[in-house]
């Protein structure tokens, strides 16, 4: 029996049902009063785009590990078309943005939705073209580079438009880079989990002296934990040193009271203080339990950070958030291919 990921008709029906349920759940709530769909959108858009970006980056540098997870990483690309559709139920929520109703060109509802919709669709098209190209085939690297360019712009727009403008007039020129680096960080975390799901733990007793694909992915997660920490500190240092009321207010709203203060500290641990020491030694980089813990910590940290970004400004309906998150999680899992036969102990 073929898995759902290979039954295109069944997968299309599942996508349509999930999209309809999420749109209905969002539109039945008071317009501009609930950010549940936005939170789910921000997290899964980062993870899905990050998965494909991880495969594209690995392809550009001829990384060996790409071959073991490429199909799984690219199988989630149809979700990017769903994200384009989910921008439409978010239109009523734009009334929650402080710039809504003010004159201007850039911060105008139709142009706001239009540019984000255009780049999500462009990201979907370039991702599908990259997925359709044979691994190692002629033109594959060009398609990978094309997707990475669109990925950077798409995630930067997401950061500036959907997140930063909620705190208008607060601005951060670093936020776009912070978002696409974090999405790529999450993509490598999913790659490690996908490798373990598809292939199991690396074979014991390998005396060839070469690293396993899992070790390569662990090195990438380890390196990106340092890069994330550097970007986080650079952004925090700029706000602290500048001491501008609009910028300081952004930090103060998240550190002045519980539970956001504790959640903000938890983000530091989930995205750096857990994955960094967990993957510090060479031996732990090939340990499936350490790698799984680090990858899950990274993904949890990204989700929690998206919540902390939004929580001081918008409210969330637990029921709507559970429905939206469950729908997107099921769709994400439905696209992943079946694991290979497990090695015998």
C-alpha atoms as a PDB file:
ATOM      1  CA  UNK A   1       0.000   0.000   0.000  1.00  0.00           C
ATOM      2  CA  UNK A   2       1.453   3.384  -0.993  1.00  0.00           C
ATOM      3  CA  UNK A   3       1.983   6.035   1.676  1.00  0.00           C
ATOM      4  CA  UNK A   4      -0.174   9.149   1.667  1.00  0.00           C
ATOM      5  CA  UNK A   5       2.723  11.249   0.374  1.00  0.00           C
ATOM      6  CA  UNK A   6       2.596   9.254  -2.909  1.00  0.00           C
ATOM      7  CA  UNK A   7      -1.207   9.404  -3.307  1.00  0.00           C
ATOM      8  CA  UNK A   8      -1.570  12.852  -4.826  1.00  0.00           C
ATOM      9  CA  UNK A   9      -5.368  12.761  -4.834  1.00  0.00           C
ATOM     10  CA  UNK A  10      -5.588  11.917  -1.145  1.00  0.00           C
ATOM     11  CA  UNK A  11      -2.959  14.493  -0.272  1.00  0.00           C
ATOM     12  CA  UNK A  12      -4.810  17.192  -2.225  1.00  0.00           C
ATOM     13  CA  UNK A  13      -8.043  16.391  -0.369  1.00  0.00           C
ATOM     14  CA  UNK A  14      -6.200  16.526   2.962  1.00  0.00           C
ATOM     15  CA  UNK A  15      -4.681  19.912   2.078  1.00  0.00           C
ATOM     16  CA  UNK A  16      -8.050  21.313   1.001  1.00  0.00           C
ATOM     17  CA  UNK A  17      -9.794  20.058   4.153  1.00  0.00           C
ATOM     18  CA  UNK A  18      -7.067  21.455   6.428  1.00  0.00           C
ATOM     19  CA  UNK A  19      -7.088  24.830   4.648  1.00  0.00           C
ATOM     20  CA  UNK A  20     -10.882  25.081   4.874  1.00  0.00           C
ATOM     21  CA  UNK A  21     -10.877  24.172   8.574  1.00  0.00           C
ATOM     22  CA  UNK A  22      -8.149  26.692   9.397  1.00  0.00           C
ATOM     23  CA  UNK A  23      -9.845  29.450   7.387  1.00  0.00           C
ATOM     24  CA  UNK A  24     -13.201  28.752   9.043  1.00  0.00           C
ATOM     25  CA  UNK A  25     -11.630  28.716  12.518  1.00  0.00           C
ATOM     26  CA  UNK A  26      -9.840  32.008  11.864  1.00  0.00           C
ATOM     27  CA  UNK A  27     -12.757  33.870  10.257  1.00  0.00           C
ATOM     28  CA  UNK A  28     -15.313  32.915  12.911  1.00  0.00           C
ATOM     29  CA  UNK A  29     -13.243  34.710  15.556  1.00  0.00           C
ATOM     30  CA  UNK A  30     -13.503  38.472  16.061  1.00  0.00           C
ATOM     31  CA  UNK A  31     -11.496  40.182  13.281  1.00  0.00           C
ATOM     32  CA  UNK A  32      -8.133  41.454  14.459  1.00  0.00           C
ATOM     33  CA  UNK A  33      -8.522  39.925  17.910  1.00  0.00           C
ATOM     34  CA  UNK A  34      -6.795  36.549  17.610  1.00  0.00           C
ATOM     35  CA  UNK A  35      -3.275  35.749  16.457  1.00  0.00           C
ATOM     36  CA  UNK A  36      -3.489  31.948  16.542  1.00  0.00           C
ATOM     37  CA  UNK A  37      -3.294  31.543  12.761  1.00  0.00           C
ATOM     38  CA  UNK A  38      -0.440  34.048  12.539  1.00  0.00           C
ATOM     39  CA  UNK A  39       1.612  32.173  15.150  1.00  0.00           C
ATOM     40  CA  UNK A  40       1.125  28.825  13.400  1.00  0.00           C
ATOM     41  CA  UNK A  41       1.894  30.432  10.037  1.00  0.00           C
ATOM     42  CA  UNK A  42       5.125  32.028  11.270  1.00  0.00           C
ATOM     43  CA  UNK A  43       6.452  28.809  12.785  1.00  0.00           C
ATOM     44  CA  UNK A  44       5.623  26.398   9.982  1.00  0.00           C
ATOM     45  CA  UNK A  45       6.602  28.832   7.220  1.00  0.00           C
ATOM     46  CA  UNK A  46      10.038  29.101   8.840  1.00  0.00           C
ATOM     47  CA  UNK A  47      10.383  25.321   9.217  1.00  0.00           C
ATOM     48  CA  UNK A  48       9.138  24.416   5.737  1.00  0.00           C
ATOM     49  CA  UNK A  49      11.116  27.103   3.924  1.00  0.00           C
ATOM     50  CA  UNK A  50      14.107  26.239   6.123  1.00  0.00           C
ATOM     51  CA  UNK A  51      13.923  22.543   5.157  1.00  0.00           C
ATOM     52  CA  UNK A  52      14.108  23.344   1.465  1.00  0.00           C
ATOM     53  CA  UNK A  53      16.799  25.963   2.082  1.00  0.00           C
ATOM     54  CA  UNK A  54      18.866  23.343   3.939  1.00  0.00           C
ATOM     55  CA  UNK A  55      18.627  21.003   0.942  1.00  0.00           C
ATOM     56  CA  UNK A  56      19.463  23.853  -1.455  1.00  0.00           C
ATOM     57  CA  UNK A  57      22.463  24.993   0.604  1.00  0.00           C
ATOM     58  CA  UNK A  58      23.754  21.427   0.833  1.00  0.00           C
ATOM     59  CA  UNK A  59      23.338  20.987  -2.911  1.00  0.00           C
ATOM     60  CA  UNK A  60      25.353  24.132  -3.668  1.00  0.00           C
ATOM     61  CA  UNK A  61      28.361  22.878  -1.683  1.00  0.00           C
ATOM     62  CA  UNK A  62      28.027  19.207  -2.754  1.00  0.00           C
ATOM     63  CA  UNK A  63      27.349  18.093   0.813  1.00  0.00           C
ATOM     64  CA  UNK A  64      27.228  14.314   1.144  1.00  0.00           C
ATOM     65  CA  UNK A  65      24.411  14.302   3.710  1.00  0.00           C
ATOM     66  CA  UNK A  66      21.941  15.865   1.265  1.00  0.00           C
ATOM     67  CA  UNK A  67      21.495  12.604  -0.603  1.00  0.00           C
ATOM     68  CA  UNK A  68      20.163  10.809   2.481  1.00  0.00           C
ATOM     69  CA  UNK A  69      17.412  13.338   3.297  1.00  0.00           C
ATOM     70  CA  UNK A  70      16.846  15.294   0.066  1.00  0.00           C
ATOM     71  CA  UNK A  71      13.601  13.584  -0.881  1.00  0.00           C
ATOM     72  CA  UNK A  72      12.143  14.007   2.594  1.00  0.00           C
ATOM     73  CA  UNK A  73      13.127  17.670   2.862  1.00  0.00           C
ATOM     74  CA  UNK A  74      11.683  18.548  -0.530  1.00  0.00           C
ATOM     75  CA  UNK A  75       8.483  16.555   0.019  1.00  0.00           C
ATOM     76  CA  UNK A  76       7.053  19.369   2.177  1.00  0.00           C
ATOM     77  CA  UNK A  77       7.271  21.969  -0.611  1.00  0.00           C
ATOM     78  CA  UNK A  78       3.488  21.783  -1.425  1.00  0.00           C
ATOM     79  CA  UNK A  79       2.840  23.343   1.987  1.00  0.00           C
ATOM     80  CA  UNK A  80       4.264  26.610   0.662  1.00  0.00           C
ATOM     81  CA  UNK A  81       1.268  26.893  -1.660  1.00  0.00           C
ATOM     82  CA  UNK A  82      -0.978  26.456   1.376  1.00  0.00           C
ATOM     83  CA  UNK A  83       0.841  29.294   3.158  1.00  0.00           C
ATOM     84  CA  UNK A  84      -0.027  31.571   0.248  1.00  0.00           C
ATOM     85  CA  UNK A  85      -3.695  30.706   0.739  1.00  0.00           C
ATOM     86  CA  UNK A  86      -3.476  31.279   4.502  1.00  0.00           C
ATOM     87  CA  UNK A  87      -2.521  34.915   3.941  1.00  0.00           C
ATOM     88  CA  UNK A  88      -6.109  35.581   2.852  1.00  0.00           C
ATOM     89  CA  UNK A  89      -7.782  34.663   6.197  1.00  0.00           C
ATOM     90  CA  UNK A  90      -5.160  36.896   7.831  1.00  0.00           C
ATOM     91  CA  UNK A  91      -6.497  40.003   6.048  1.00  0.00           C
ATOM     92  CA  UNK A  92      -9.076  40.814   8.783  1.00  0.00           C
ATOM     93  CA  UNK A  93      -6.302  40.476  11.373  1.00  0.00           C
ATOM     94  CA  UNK A  94      -4.441  43.406   9.798  1.00  0.00           C
ATOM     95  CA  UNK A  95      -6.724  45.731  11.770  1.00  0.00           C
ATOM     96  CA  UNK A  96      -4.661  44.764  14.839  1.00  0.00           C
ATOM     97  CA  UNK A  97      -1.553  46.409  13.358  1.00  0.00           C
ATOM     98  CA  UNK A  98      -0.928  49.944  14.658  1.00  0.00           C
ATOM     99  CA  UNK A  99      -0.384  51.302  11.142  1.00  0.00           C
ATOM    100  CA  UNK A 100      -3.799  50.136   9.892  1.00  0.00           C
ATOM    101  CA  UNK A 101      -5.785  53.055   8.511  1.00  0.00           C
ATOM    102  CA  UNK A 102      -2.852  55.447   8.273  1.00  0.00           C
ATOM    103  CA  UNK A 103      -1.952  56.938   4.867  1.00  0.00           C
ATOM    104  CA  UNK A 104       1.033  55.493   3.066  1.00  0.00           C
ATOM    105  CA  UNK A 105       2.104  53.193   0.275  1.00  0.00           C
ATOM    106  CA  UNK A 106       4.309  50.533   1.871  1.00  0.00           C
ATOM    107  CA  UNK A 107       2.050  49.921   4.864  1.00  0.00           C
ATOM    108  CA  UNK A 108      -1.186  49.601   2.955  1.00  0.00           C
ATOM    109  CA  UNK A 109      -3.309  46.459   3.261  1.00  0.00           C
ATOM    110  CA  UNK A 110      -3.489  45.534  -0.418  1.00  0.00           C
ATOM    111  CA  UNK A 111       0.230  46.100  -1.045  1.00  0.00           C
ATOM    112  CA  UNK A 112       1.080  44.455   2.296  1.00  0.00           C
ATOM    113  CA  UNK A 113      -0.733  41.223   1.403  1.00  0.00           C
ATOM    114  CA  UNK A 114       0.218  41.432  -2.270  1.00  0.00           C
ATOM    115  CA  UNK A 115       3.988  41.518  -1.802  1.00  0.00           C
ATOM    116  CA  UNK A 116       3.992  38.731   0.780  1.00  0.00           C
ATOM    117  CA  UNK A 117       1.663  36.630  -1.378  1.00  0.00           C
ATOM    118  CA  UNK A 118       3.871  37.202  -4.418  1.00  0.00           C
ATOM    119  CA  UNK A 119       7.051  36.062  -2.683  1.00  0.00           C
ATOM    120  CA  UNK A 120       5.357  33.044  -1.091  1.00  0.00           C
ATOM    121  CA  UNK A 121       4.144  31.959  -4.523  1.00  0.00           C
ATOM    122  CA  UNK A 122       7.567  32.639  -6.006  1.00  0.00           C
ATOM    123  CA  UNK A 123       9.164  30.605  -3.211  1.00  0.00           C
ATOM    124  CA  UNK A 124       6.755  27.755  -4.003  1.00  0.00           C
ATOM    125  CA  UNK A 125       7.555  27.877  -7.729  1.00  0.00           C
ATOM    126  CA  UNK A 126      11.334  27.964  -7.218  1.00  0.00           C
ATOM    127  CA  UNK A 127      11.101  25.203  -4.595  1.00  0.00           C
ATOM    128  CA  UNK A 128       9.124  22.953  -6.952  1.00  0.00           C
ATOM    129  CA  UNK A 129      11.583  23.614  -9.784  1.00  0.00           C
ATOM    130  CA  UNK A 130      14.440  22.706  -7.475  1.00  0.00           C
ATOM    131  CA  UNK A 131      12.617  19.575  -6.272  1.00  0.00           C
ATOM    132  CA  UNK A 132      11.934  18.503  -9.873  1.00  0.00           C
ATOM    133  CA  UNK A 133      15.601  18.722 -10.846  1.00  0.00           C
ATOM    134  CA  UNK A 134      17.530  15.436 -10.544  1.00  0.00           C
ATOM    135  CA  UNK A 135      20.111  15.343  -7.758  1.00  0.00           C
ATOM    136  CA  UNK A 136      23.462  16.271  -9.274  1.00  0.00           C
ATOM    137  CA  UNK A 137      21.867  17.036 -12.624  1.00  0.00           C
ATOM    138  CA  UNK A 138      22.693  19.937 -14.892  1.00  0.00           C
ATOM    139  CA  UNK A 139      21.133  23.169 -13.678  1.00  0.00           C
ATOM    140  CA  UNK A 140      20.291  21.844 -10.222  1.00  0.00           C
ATOM    141  CA  UNK A 141      22.677  24.247  -8.498  1.00  0.00           C
ATOM    142  CA  UNK A 142      21.228  27.193 -10.403  1.00  0.00           C
ATOM    143  CA  UNK A 143      17.744  26.227  -9.225  1.00  0.00           C
ATOM    144  CA  UNK A 144      19.027  25.802  -5.673  1.00  0.00           C
ATOM    145  CA  UNK A 145      20.605  29.265  -5.732  1.00  0.00           C
ATOM    146  CA  UNK A 146      17.393  30.747  -7.147  1.00  0.00           C
ATOM    147  CA  UNK A 147      15.375  29.284  -4.317  1.00  0.00           C
ATOM    148  CA  UNK A 148      17.832  30.506  -1.679  1.00  0.00           C
ATOM    149  CA  UNK A 149      17.574  34.062  -3.000  1.00  0.00           C
ATOM    150  CA  UNK A 150      13.770  33.981  -2.839  1.00  0.00           C
ATOM    151  CA  UNK A 151      13.940  32.302   0.578  1.00  0.00           C
ATOM    152  CA  UNK A 152      16.037  35.145   2.001  1.00  0.00           C
ATOM    153  CA  UNK A 153      13.630  37.784   0.668  1.00  0.00           C
ATOM    154  CA  UNK A 154      10.518  35.856   1.765  1.00  0.00           C
ATOM    155  CA  UNK A 155      11.713  35.319   5.339  1.00  0.00           C
ATOM    156  CA  UNK A 156      12.944  38.909   5.570  1.00  0.00           C
ATOM    157  CA  UNK A 157       9.544  40.200   4.457  1.00  0.00           C
ATOM    158  CA  UNK A 158       7.890  37.931   6.995  1.00  0.00           C
ATOM    159  CA  UNK A 159      10.063  39.416   9.732  1.00  0.00           C
ATOM    160  CA  UNK A 160       9.609  43.048   8.704  1.00  0.00           C
ATOM    161  CA  UNK A 161       5.928  42.947   7.722  1.00  0.00           C
ATOM    162  CA  UNK A 162       4.199  40.350   9.868  1.00  0.00           C
ATOM    163  CA  UNK A 163       6.270  40.712  13.057  1.00  0.00           C
ATOM    164  CA  UNK A 164       8.156  44.004  13.235  1.00  0.00           C
ATOM    165  CA  UNK A 165       5.276  46.200  12.053  1.00  0.00           C
ATOM    166  CA  UNK A 166       3.157  44.900  14.958  1.00  0.00           C
ATOM    167  CA  UNK A 167       5.443  47.019  17.179  1.00  0.00           C
ATOM    168  CA  UNK A 168       5.419  50.083  14.914  1.00  0.00           C
ATOM    169  CA  UNK A 169       7.363  52.440  15.168  1.00  0.00           C
ATOM    170  CA  UNK A 170      10.001  49.974  16.461  1.00  0.00           C
ATOM    171  CA  UNK A 171      12.449  49.012  13.709  1.00  0.00           C
ATOM    172  CA  UNK A 172      15.333  46.551  13.469  1.00  0.00           C
ATOM    173  CA  UNK A 173      17.413  46.170  10.326  1.00  0.00           C
ATOM    174  CA  UNK A 174      18.843  42.933  11.757  1.00  0.00           C
ATOM    175  CA  UNK A 175      15.484  41.192  12.103  1.00  0.00           C
ATOM    176  CA  UNK A 176      15.284  40.007   8.477  1.00  0.00           C
ATOM    177  CA  UNK A 177      18.673  38.283   8.630  1.00  0.00           C
ATOM    178  CA  UNK A 178      17.841  36.937  12.062  1.00  0.00           C
ATOM    179  CA  UNK A 179      14.688  35.297  10.710  1.00  0.00           C
ATOM    180  CA  UNK A 180      16.161  33.594   7.654  1.00  0.00           C
ATOM    181  CA  UNK A 181      19.203  32.355   9.584  1.00  0.00           C
ATOM    182  CA  UNK A 182      16.885  30.975  12.248  1.00  0.00           C
ATOM    183  CA  UNK A 183      14.724  29.299   9.576  1.00  0.00           C
ATOM    184  CA  UNK A 184      17.838  27.644   8.118  1.00  0.00           C
ATOM    185  CA  UNK A 185      18.836  26.625  11.662  1.00  0.00           C
ATOM    186  CA  UNK A 186      15.439  24.947  12.037  1.00  0.00           C
ATOM    187  CA  UNK A 187      15.846  23.328   8.616  1.00  0.00           C
ATOM    188  CA  UNK A 188      19.043  21.602   9.719  1.00  0.00           C
ATOM    189  CA  UNK A 189      17.299  20.456  12.919  1.00  0.00           C
ATOM    190  CA  UNK A 190      14.502  18.881  10.862  1.00  0.00           C
ATOM    191  CA  UNK A 191      17.128  17.332   8.571  1.00  0.00           C
ATOM    192  CA  UNK A 192      18.744  15.575  11.552  1.00  0.00           C
ATOM    193  CA  UNK A 193      15.393  14.286  12.831  1.00  0.00           C
ATOM    194  CA  UNK A 194      14.451  13.179   9.312  1.00  0.00           C
ATOM    195  CA  UNK A 195      17.735  11.306   8.923  1.00  0.00           C
ATOM    196  CA  UNK A 196      17.109   9.403  12.152  1.00  0.00           C
ATOM    197  CA  UNK A 197      13.508   8.703  11.130  1.00  0.00           C
ATOM    198  CA  UNK A 198      14.422   7.427   7.673  1.00  0.00           C
ATOM    199  CA  UNK A 199      17.701   5.636   8.353  1.00  0.00           C
ATOM    200  CA  UNK A 200      17.928   4.997  12.077  1.00  0.00           C
ATOM    201  CA  UNK A 201      21.142   5.389  14.011  1.00  0.00           C
ATOM    202  CA  UNK A 202      24.461   5.180  12.096  1.00  0.00           C
ATOM    203  CA  UNK A 203      25.927   1.720  11.761  1.00  0.00           C
ATOM    204  CA  UNK A 204      28.286   0.803  14.588  1.00  0.00           C
ATOM    205  CA  UNK A 205      31.852  -0.293  13.986  1.00  0.00           C
ATOM    206  CA  UNK A 206      32.544   1.915  10.980  1.00  0.00           C
ATOM    207  CA  UNK A 207      36.349   1.994  10.675  1.00  0.00           C
ATOM    208  CA  UNK A 208      36.552   3.964   7.454  1.00  0.00           C
ATOM    209  CA  UNK A 209      37.439   7.132   9.337  1.00  0.00           C
ATOM    210  CA  UNK A 210      34.790   9.181   7.533  1.00  0.00           C
ATOM    211  CA  UNK A 211      32.033  11.017   9.380  1.00  0.00           C
ATOM    212  CA  UNK A 212      28.446   9.844   9.123  1.00  0.00           C
ATOM    213  CA  UNK A 213      25.752  12.047   7.586  1.00  0.00           C
ATOM    214  CA  UNK A 214      24.288  12.461  11.062  1.00  0.00           C
ATOM    215  CA  UNK A 215      27.606  13.848  12.322  1.00  0.00           C
ATOM    216  CA  UNK A 216      27.693  16.334   9.444  1.00  0.00           C
ATOM    217  CA  UNK A 217      24.199  17.532  10.303  1.00  0.00           C
ATOM    218  CA  UNK A 218      25.161  17.799  13.973  1.00  0.00           C
ATOM    219  CA  UNK A 219      28.149  19.964  13.037  1.00  0.00           C
ATOM    220  CA  UNK A 220      25.809  22.261  11.104  1.00  0.00           C
ATOM    221  CA  UNK A 221      23.425  22.549  14.054  1.00  0.00           C
ATOM    222  CA  UNK A 222      26.365  23.209  16.365  1.00  0.00           C
ATOM    223  CA  UNK A 223      27.719  25.919  14.077  1.00  0.00           C
ATOM    224  CA  UNK A 224      24.347  27.570  13.619  1.00  0.00           C
ATOM    225  CA  UNK A 225      23.797  27.636  17.386  1.00  0.00           C
ATOM    226  CA  UNK A 226      26.869  29.893  17.561  1.00  0.00           C
ATOM    227  CA  UNK A 227      25.666  31.985  14.616  1.00  0.00           C
ATOM    228  CA  UNK A 228      22.225  32.396  16.199  1.00  0.00           C
ATOM    229  CA  UNK A 229      23.801  33.439  19.503  1.00  0.00           C
ATOM    230  CA  UNK A 230      25.952  35.988  17.669  1.00  0.00           C
ATOM    231  CA  UNK A 231      22.956  37.499  15.870  1.00  0.00           C
ATOM    232  CA  UNK A 232      20.919  37.535  19.071  1.00  0.00           C
ATOM    233  CA  UNK A 233      23.681  39.307  20.982  1.00  0.00           C
ATOM    234  CA  UNK A 234      24.290  41.788  18.143  1.00  0.00           C
ATOM    235  CA  UNK A 235      20.622  42.757  18.124  1.00  0.00           C
ATOM    236  CA  UNK A 236      20.382  42.975  21.920  1.00  0.00           C
ATOM    237  CA  UNK A 237      23.619  44.994  22.155  1.00  0.00           C
ATOM    238  CA  UNK A 238      22.379  47.486  19.554  1.00  0.00           C
ATOM    239  CA  UNK A 239      19.140  48.050  21.475  1.00  0.00           C
ATOM    240  CA  UNK A 240      20.939  48.330  24.838  1.00  0.00           C
ATOM    241  CA  UNK A 241      23.666  50.671  23.572  1.00  0.00           C
ATOM    242  CA  UNK A 242      21.305  52.901  21.560  1.00  0.00           C
ATOM    243  CA  UNK A 243      18.869  53.249  24.496  1.00  0.00           C
ATOM    244  CA  UNK A 244      16.134  54.556  22.176  1.00  0.00           C
ATOM    245  CA  UNK A 245      12.700  54.478  23.874  1.00  0.00           C
ATOM    246  CA  UNK A 246      10.979  52.616  21.009  1.00  0.00           C
ATOM    247  CA  UNK A 247      13.648  49.901  20.964  1.00  0.00           C
ATOM    248  CA  UNK A 248      14.001  49.584  24.739  1.00  0.00           C
ATOM    249  CA  UNK A 249      10.221  49.334  25.022  1.00  0.00           C
ATOM    250  CA  UNK A 250      10.255  46.251  22.786  1.00  0.00           C
ATOM    251  CA  UNK A 251      12.590  44.464  25.226  1.00  0.00           C
ATOM    252  CA  UNK A 252      10.912  45.851  28.349  1.00  0.00           C
ATOM    253  CA  UNK A 253       7.484  44.498  27.379  1.00  0.00           C
ATOM    254  CA  UNK A 254       8.973  41.020  27.206  1.00  0.00           C
ATOM    255  CA  UNK A 255      11.164  41.109  30.306  1.00  0.00           C
ATOM    256  CA  UNK A 256       9.153  43.174  32.766  1.00  0.00           C
ATOM    257  CA  UNK A 257       6.550  40.594  33.813  1.00  0.00           C
ATOM    258  CA  UNK A 258       5.775  36.884  33.953  1.00  0.00           C
ATOM    259  CA  UNK A 259       5.391  34.654  32.049  1.00  0.00           C
ATOM    260  CA  UNK A 260       7.114  36.381  29.098  1.00  0.00           C
ATOM    261  CA  UNK A 261      10.234  37.039  31.183  1.00  0.00           C
ATOM    262  CA  UNK A 262      10.689  33.348  31.930  1.00  0.00           C
ATOM    263  CA  UNK A 263       9.805  32.364  28.365  1.00  0.00           C
ATOM    264  CA  UNK A 264      12.414  34.780  27.006  1.00  0.00           C
ATOM    265  CA  UNK A 265      15.076  33.142  29.169  1.00  0.00           C
ATOM    266  CA  UNK A 266      13.837  29.717  28.047  1.00  0.00           C
ATOM    267  CA  UNK A 267      14.412  30.736  24.405  1.00  0.00           C
ATOM    268  CA  UNK A 268      18.112  31.328  25.151  1.00  0.00           C
ATOM    269  CA  UNK A 269      18.403  27.846  26.625  1.00  0.00           C
ATOM    270  CA  UNK A 270      16.422  26.106  23.884  1.00  0.00           C
ATOM    271  CA  UNK A 271      18.294  27.729  20.998  1.00  0.00           C
ATOM    272  CA  UNK A 272      21.804  27.907  22.457  1.00  0.00           C
ATOM    273  CA  UNK A 273      22.498  26.668  25.978  1.00  0.00           C
ATOM    274  CA  UNK A 274      21.029  23.211  25.277  1.00  0.00           C
ATOM    275  CA  UNK A 275      22.129  22.422  21.673  1.00  0.00           C
ATOM    276  CA  UNK A 276      25.606  23.966  22.043  1.00  0.00           C
ATOM    277  CA  UNK A 277      26.883  21.805  24.946  1.00  0.00           C
ATOM    278  CA  UNK A 278      24.856  18.783  23.781  1.00  0.00           C
ATOM    279  CA  UNK A 279      26.753  18.723  20.472  1.00  0.00           C
ATOM    280  CA  UNK A 280      30.105  19.961  21.743  1.00  0.00           C
ATOM    281  CA  UNK A 281      31.936  16.622  21.719  1.00  0.00           C
ATOM    282  CA  UNK A 282      32.611  14.540  18.610  1.00  0.00           C
ATOM    283  CA  UNK A 283      31.047  11.481  20.202  1.00  0.00           C
ATOM    284  CA  UNK A 284      27.761  13.257  20.971  1.00  0.00           C
ATOM    285  CA  UNK A 285      27.466  14.444  17.376  1.00  0.00           C
ATOM    286  CA  UNK A 286      26.804  10.865  16.314  1.00  0.00           C
ATOM    287  CA  UNK A 287      24.659   9.972  19.332  1.00  0.00           C
ATOM    288  CA  UNK A 288      21.027   9.805  18.115  1.00  0.00           C
ATOM    289  CA  UNK A 289      19.630  10.712  21.545  1.00  0.00           C
ATOM    290  CA  UNK A 290      21.798  13.821  21.894  1.00  0.00           C
ATOM    291  CA  UNK A 291      21.107  14.880  18.311  1.00  0.00           C
ATOM    292  CA  UNK A 292      17.344  14.347  18.709  1.00  0.00           C
ATOM    293  CA  UNK A 293      17.292  16.321  21.957  1.00  0.00           C
ATOM    294  CA  UNK A 294      19.232  19.192  20.355  1.00  0.00           C
ATOM    295  CA  UNK A 295      17.013  19.244  17.242  1.00  0.00           C
ATOM    296  CA  UNK A 296      13.781  19.201  19.265  1.00  0.00           C
ATOM    297  CA  UNK A 297      15.169  21.922  21.514  1.00  0.00           C
ATOM    298  CA  UNK A 298      15.895  24.105  18.475  1.00  0.00           C
ATOM    299  CA  UNK A 299      12.411  23.667  16.998  1.00  0.00           C
ATOM    300  CA  UNK A 300      10.776  24.296  20.387  1.00  0.00           C
ATOM    301  CA  UNK A 301      12.862  27.440  20.788  1.00  0.00           C
ATOM    302  CA  UNK A 302      11.769  28.807  17.392  1.00  0.00           C
ATOM    303  CA  UNK A 303       8.100  28.174  18.225  1.00  0.00           C
ATOM    304  CA  UNK A 304       8.426  29.756  21.657  1.00  0.00           C
ATOM    305  CA  UNK A 305      10.225  32.762  20.230  1.00  0.00           C
ATOM    306  CA  UNK A 306       7.460  33.362  17.693  1.00  0.00           C
ATOM    307  CA  UNK A 307       4.998  33.343  20.591  1.00  0.00           C
ATOM    308  CA  UNK A 308       7.066  35.841  22.596  1.00  0.00           C
ATOM    309  CA  UNK A 309       7.302  38.133  19.563  1.00  0.00           C
ATOM    310  CA  UNK A 310       3.508  38.254  19.252  1.00  0.00           C
ATOM    311  CA  UNK A 311       2.169  37.788  22.785  1.00  0.00           C
ATOM    312  CA  UNK A 312       2.465  41.377  24.111  1.00  0.00           C
ATOM    313  CA  UNK A 313       0.458  42.692  21.149  1.00  0.00           C
ATOM    314  CA  UNK A 314      -2.123  40.031  20.257  1.00  0.00           C
ATOM    315  CA  UNK A 315      -4.075  37.401  22.108  1.00  0.00           C
ATOM    316  CA  UNK A 316      -4.471  33.719  21.295  1.00  0.00           C
ATOM    317  CA  UNK A 317      -7.424  31.362  21.421  1.00  0.00           C
ATOM    318  CA  UNK A 318      -6.192  27.994  22.779  1.00  0.00           C
ATOM    319  CA  UNK A 319      -8.770  26.083  20.736  1.00  0.00           C
ATOM    320  CA  UNK A 320      -7.997  27.872  17.471  1.00  0.00           C
ATOM    321  CA  UNK A 321      -4.250  27.578  18.094  1.00  0.00           C
ATOM    322  CA  UNK A 322      -4.573  23.822  18.703  1.00  0.00           C
ATOM    323  CA  UNK A 323      -6.597  23.346  15.492  1.00  0.00           C
ATOM    324  CA  UNK A 324      -4.229  25.412  13.334  1.00  0.00           C
ATOM    325  CA  UNK A 325      -1.099  23.806  14.726  1.00  0.00           C
ATOM    326  CA  UNK A 326      -2.521  20.269  14.478  1.00  0.00           C
ATOM    327  CA  UNK A 327      -3.610  20.786  10.850  1.00  0.00           C
ATOM    328  CA  UNK A 328      -0.205  22.039   9.754  1.00  0.00           C
ATOM    329  CA  UNK A 329       1.618  19.355  11.717  1.00  0.00           C
ATOM    330  CA  UNK A 330      -0.476  16.604  10.083  1.00  0.00           C
ATOM    331  CA  UNK A 331       0.172  18.060   6.635  1.00  0.00           C
ATOM    332  CA  UNK A 332       3.890  18.293   7.361  1.00  0.00           C
ATOM    333  CA  UNK A 333       4.008  14.664   8.517  1.00  0.00           C
ATOM    334  CA  UNK A 334       1.866  13.470   5.597  1.00  0.00           C
ATOM    335  CA  UNK A 335       4.439  14.654   3.087  1.00  0.00           C
ATOM    336  CA  UNK A 336       7.359  12.799   4.660  1.00  0.00           C
ATOM    337  CA  UNK A 337       8.181   9.492   2.925  1.00  0.00           C
ATOM    338  CA  UNK A 338       8.174   6.171   4.744  1.00  0.00           C
ATOM    339  CA  UNK A 339      11.363   5.196   6.599  1.00  0.00           C
ATOM    340  CA  UNK A 340      13.760   2.663   5.189  1.00  0.00           C
ATOM    341  CA  UNK A 341      13.959  -0.759   6.744  1.00  0.00           C
ATOM    342  CA  UNK A 342      15.697  -0.516  10.114  1.00  0.00           C
ATOM    343  CA  UNK A 343      19.093  -2.101  10.502  1.00  0.00           C
ATOM    344  CA  UNK A 344      19.131  -5.176  12.644  1.00  0.00           C
ATOM    345  CA  UNK A 345      20.751  -4.712  16.039  1.00  0.00           C
END
